[in-house]
């Protein structure tokens, strides 16, 4: 795939916006990773484990994909939301 000019800059803006959201987090060289299937409530699990979200930069795949869609970085597929369109691409349902 050949990216259109300006795509790297647009992607950098997405990353910068995510870092901006987490700038208030304490920098203690610690990380908490939570993973799971789509729809799994990872935030609820972190809450049960008493993880303080204000101490960490939170990166959600869905939030990244929505930010990319807002900047035109995800192709528009009629009848699909940006997240559905991404899933289709990843699963090979459309080229």
C-alpha atoms as a PDB file:
ATOM      1  CA  UNK A   1       0.000   0.000   0.000  1.00  0.00           C
ATOM      2  CA  UNK A   2       1.323   3.449  -0.914  1.00  0.00           C
ATOM      3  CA  UNK A   3       0.306   6.111   1.565  1.00  0.00           C
ATOM      4  CA  UNK A   4      -0.938   9.453   0.373  1.00  0.00           C
ATOM      5  CA  UNK A   5       1.310  12.441   1.056  1.00  0.00           C
ATOM      6  CA  UNK A   6       0.638  13.839   4.494  1.00  0.00           C
ATOM      7  CA  UNK A   7      -0.465  10.530   6.019  1.00  0.00           C
ATOM      8  CA  UNK A   8       2.606  10.340   8.280  1.00  0.00           C
ATOM      9  CA  UNK A   9       1.877  13.856   9.526  1.00  0.00           C
ATOM     10  CA  UNK A  10      -1.781  12.977  10.167  1.00  0.00           C
ATOM     11  CA  UNK A  11      -0.755   9.833  12.053  1.00  0.00           C
ATOM     12  CA  UNK A  12       1.714  11.883  14.094  1.00  0.00           C
ATOM     13  CA  UNK A  13      -1.137  14.199  15.070  1.00  0.00           C
ATOM     14  CA  UNK A  14      -3.134  11.199  16.322  1.00  0.00           C
ATOM     15  CA  UNK A  15      -0.198  10.024  18.447  1.00  0.00           C
ATOM     16  CA  UNK A  16       0.474  13.547  19.754  1.00  0.00           C
ATOM     17  CA  UNK A  17      -3.170  13.942  20.768  1.00  0.00           C
ATOM     18  CA  UNK A  18      -3.033  10.650  22.697  1.00  0.00           C
ATOM     19  CA  UNK A  19       0.140  11.687  24.512  1.00  0.00           C
ATOM     20  CA  UNK A  20      -1.456  15.040  25.335  1.00  0.00           C
ATOM     21  CA  UNK A  21      -4.316  13.217  27.073  1.00  0.00           C
ATOM     22  CA  UNK A  22      -1.848  11.405  29.311  1.00  0.00           C
ATOM     23  CA  UNK A  23       0.505  14.270  30.103  1.00  0.00           C
ATOM     24  CA  UNK A  24      -0.900  14.568  33.631  1.00  0.00           C
ATOM     25  CA  UNK A  25       0.036  10.953  34.389  1.00  0.00           C
ATOM     26  CA  UNK A  26       2.949  10.509  36.732  1.00  0.00           C
ATOM     27  CA  UNK A  27       6.156   9.450  35.037  1.00  0.00           C
ATOM     28  CA  UNK A  28       7.491   6.634  37.170  1.00  0.00           C
ATOM     29  CA  UNK A  29       8.564   4.228  34.430  1.00  0.00           C
ATOM     30  CA  UNK A  30       5.702   1.883  35.265  1.00  0.00           C
ATOM     31  CA  UNK A  31       3.154   0.335  32.969  1.00  0.00           C
ATOM     32  CA  UNK A  32      -0.040  -1.657  33.232  1.00  0.00           C
ATOM     33  CA  UNK A  33      -1.115  -3.594  30.167  1.00  0.00           C
ATOM     34  CA  UNK A  34      -4.627  -4.936  29.829  1.00  0.00           C
ATOM     35  CA  UNK A  35      -5.623  -6.984  26.848  1.00  0.00           C
ATOM     36  CA  UNK A  36      -8.571  -9.056  25.848  1.00  0.00           C
ATOM     37  CA  UNK A  37     -11.107  -9.842  23.213  1.00  0.00           C
ATOM     38  CA  UNK A  38     -13.101  -7.014  21.633  1.00  0.00           C
ATOM     39  CA  UNK A  39     -15.923  -6.110  23.976  1.00  0.00           C
ATOM     40  CA  UNK A  40     -14.139  -7.407  27.063  1.00  0.00           C
ATOM     41  CA  UNK A  41     -14.443  -4.758  29.766  1.00  0.00           C
ATOM     42  CA  UNK A  42     -10.768  -4.183  30.438  1.00  0.00           C
ATOM     43  CA  UNK A  43     -11.485  -0.934  32.304  1.00  0.00           C
ATOM     44  CA  UNK A  44     -13.719  -2.797  34.784  1.00  0.00           C
ATOM     45  CA  UNK A  45     -10.969  -5.340  35.373  1.00  0.00           C
ATOM     46  CA  UNK A  46      -8.442  -2.574  36.024  1.00  0.00           C
ATOM     47  CA  UNK A  47     -10.895  -0.939  38.439  1.00  0.00           C
ATOM     48  CA  UNK A  48     -11.329  -4.242  40.296  1.00  0.00           C
ATOM     49  CA  UNK A  49      -7.541  -4.436  40.594  1.00  0.00           C
ATOM     50  CA  UNK A  50      -7.571  -0.872  41.973  1.00  0.00           C
ATOM     51  CA  UNK A  51      -5.403   0.512  39.182  1.00  0.00           C
ATOM     52  CA  UNK A  52      -5.510   4.326  39.361  1.00  0.00           C
ATOM     53  CA  UNK A  53      -6.085   5.456  35.736  1.00  0.00           C
ATOM     54  CA  UNK A  54      -4.799   8.976  36.499  1.00  0.00           C
ATOM     55  CA  UNK A  55      -1.293   7.536  36.902  1.00  0.00           C
ATOM     56  CA  UNK A  56      -1.083   6.092  33.394  1.00  0.00           C
ATOM     57  CA  UNK A  57      -1.521   7.014  29.769  1.00  0.00           C
ATOM     58  CA  UNK A  58      -4.440   4.975  28.493  1.00  0.00           C
ATOM     59  CA  UNK A  59      -4.367   3.892  24.870  1.00  0.00           C
ATOM     60  CA  UNK A  60      -7.494   2.276  23.501  1.00  0.00           C
ATOM     61  CA  UNK A  61      -7.421   0.689  20.058  1.00  0.00           C
ATOM     62  CA  UNK A  62     -10.979   1.910  19.466  1.00  0.00           C
ATOM     63  CA  UNK A  63     -10.008   5.471  20.415  1.00  0.00           C
ATOM     64  CA  UNK A  64      -7.028   5.365  18.053  1.00  0.00           C
ATOM     65  CA  UNK A  65      -9.176   4.054  15.209  1.00  0.00           C
ATOM     66  CA  UNK A  66     -11.830   6.711  15.796  1.00  0.00           C
ATOM     67  CA  UNK A  67      -9.169   9.440  15.842  1.00  0.00           C
ATOM     68  CA  UNK A  68      -7.788   8.062  12.585  1.00  0.00           C
ATOM     69  CA  UNK A  69     -11.264   8.007  11.050  1.00  0.00           C
ATOM     70  CA  UNK A  70     -11.818  11.645  12.082  1.00  0.00           C
ATOM     71  CA  UNK A  71      -8.686  12.563  10.131  1.00  0.00           C
ATOM     72  CA  UNK A  72      -9.681  10.579   7.044  1.00  0.00           C
ATOM     73  CA  UNK A  73      -7.093   7.859   7.625  1.00  0.00           C
ATOM     74  CA  UNK A  74      -9.617   5.031   7.379  1.00  0.00           C
ATOM     75  CA  UNK A  75     -11.446   4.427   4.120  1.00  0.00           C
ATOM     76  CA  UNK A  76     -15.175   5.088   4.258  1.00  0.00           C
ATOM     77  CA  UNK A  77     -17.166   1.931   3.551  1.00  0.00           C
ATOM     78  CA  UNK A  78     -20.859   2.518   2.947  1.00  0.00           C
ATOM     79  CA  UNK A  79     -22.989   0.896   5.618  1.00  0.00           C
ATOM     80  CA  UNK A  80     -20.101   0.367   8.058  1.00  0.00           C
ATOM     81  CA  UNK A  81     -18.853   2.403  10.993  1.00  0.00           C
ATOM     82  CA  UNK A  82     -15.120   3.233  10.981  1.00  0.00           C
ATOM     83  CA  UNK A  83     -14.492   0.460  13.511  1.00  0.00           C
ATOM     84  CA  UNK A  84     -16.422  -2.054  11.416  1.00  0.00           C
ATOM     85  CA  UNK A  85     -14.543  -0.934   8.308  1.00  0.00           C
ATOM     86  CA  UNK A  86     -11.219  -1.503  10.084  1.00  0.00           C
ATOM     87  CA  UNK A  87     -12.296  -4.953  11.222  1.00  0.00           C
ATOM     88  CA  UNK A  88     -13.254  -5.806   7.653  1.00  0.00           C
ATOM     89  CA  UNK A  89      -9.864  -4.721   6.385  1.00  0.00           C
ATOM     90  CA  UNK A  90      -7.997  -6.616   9.085  1.00  0.00           C
ATOM     91  CA  UNK A  91     -10.034  -9.765   8.488  1.00  0.00           C
ATOM     92  CA  UNK A  92      -9.579  -9.475   4.723  1.00  0.00           C
ATOM     93  CA  UNK A  93     -13.251  -8.881   3.885  1.00  0.00           C
ATOM     94  CA  UNK A  94     -12.395  -6.043   1.531  1.00  0.00           C
ATOM     95  CA  UNK A  95      -9.255  -4.954  -0.252  1.00  0.00           C
END
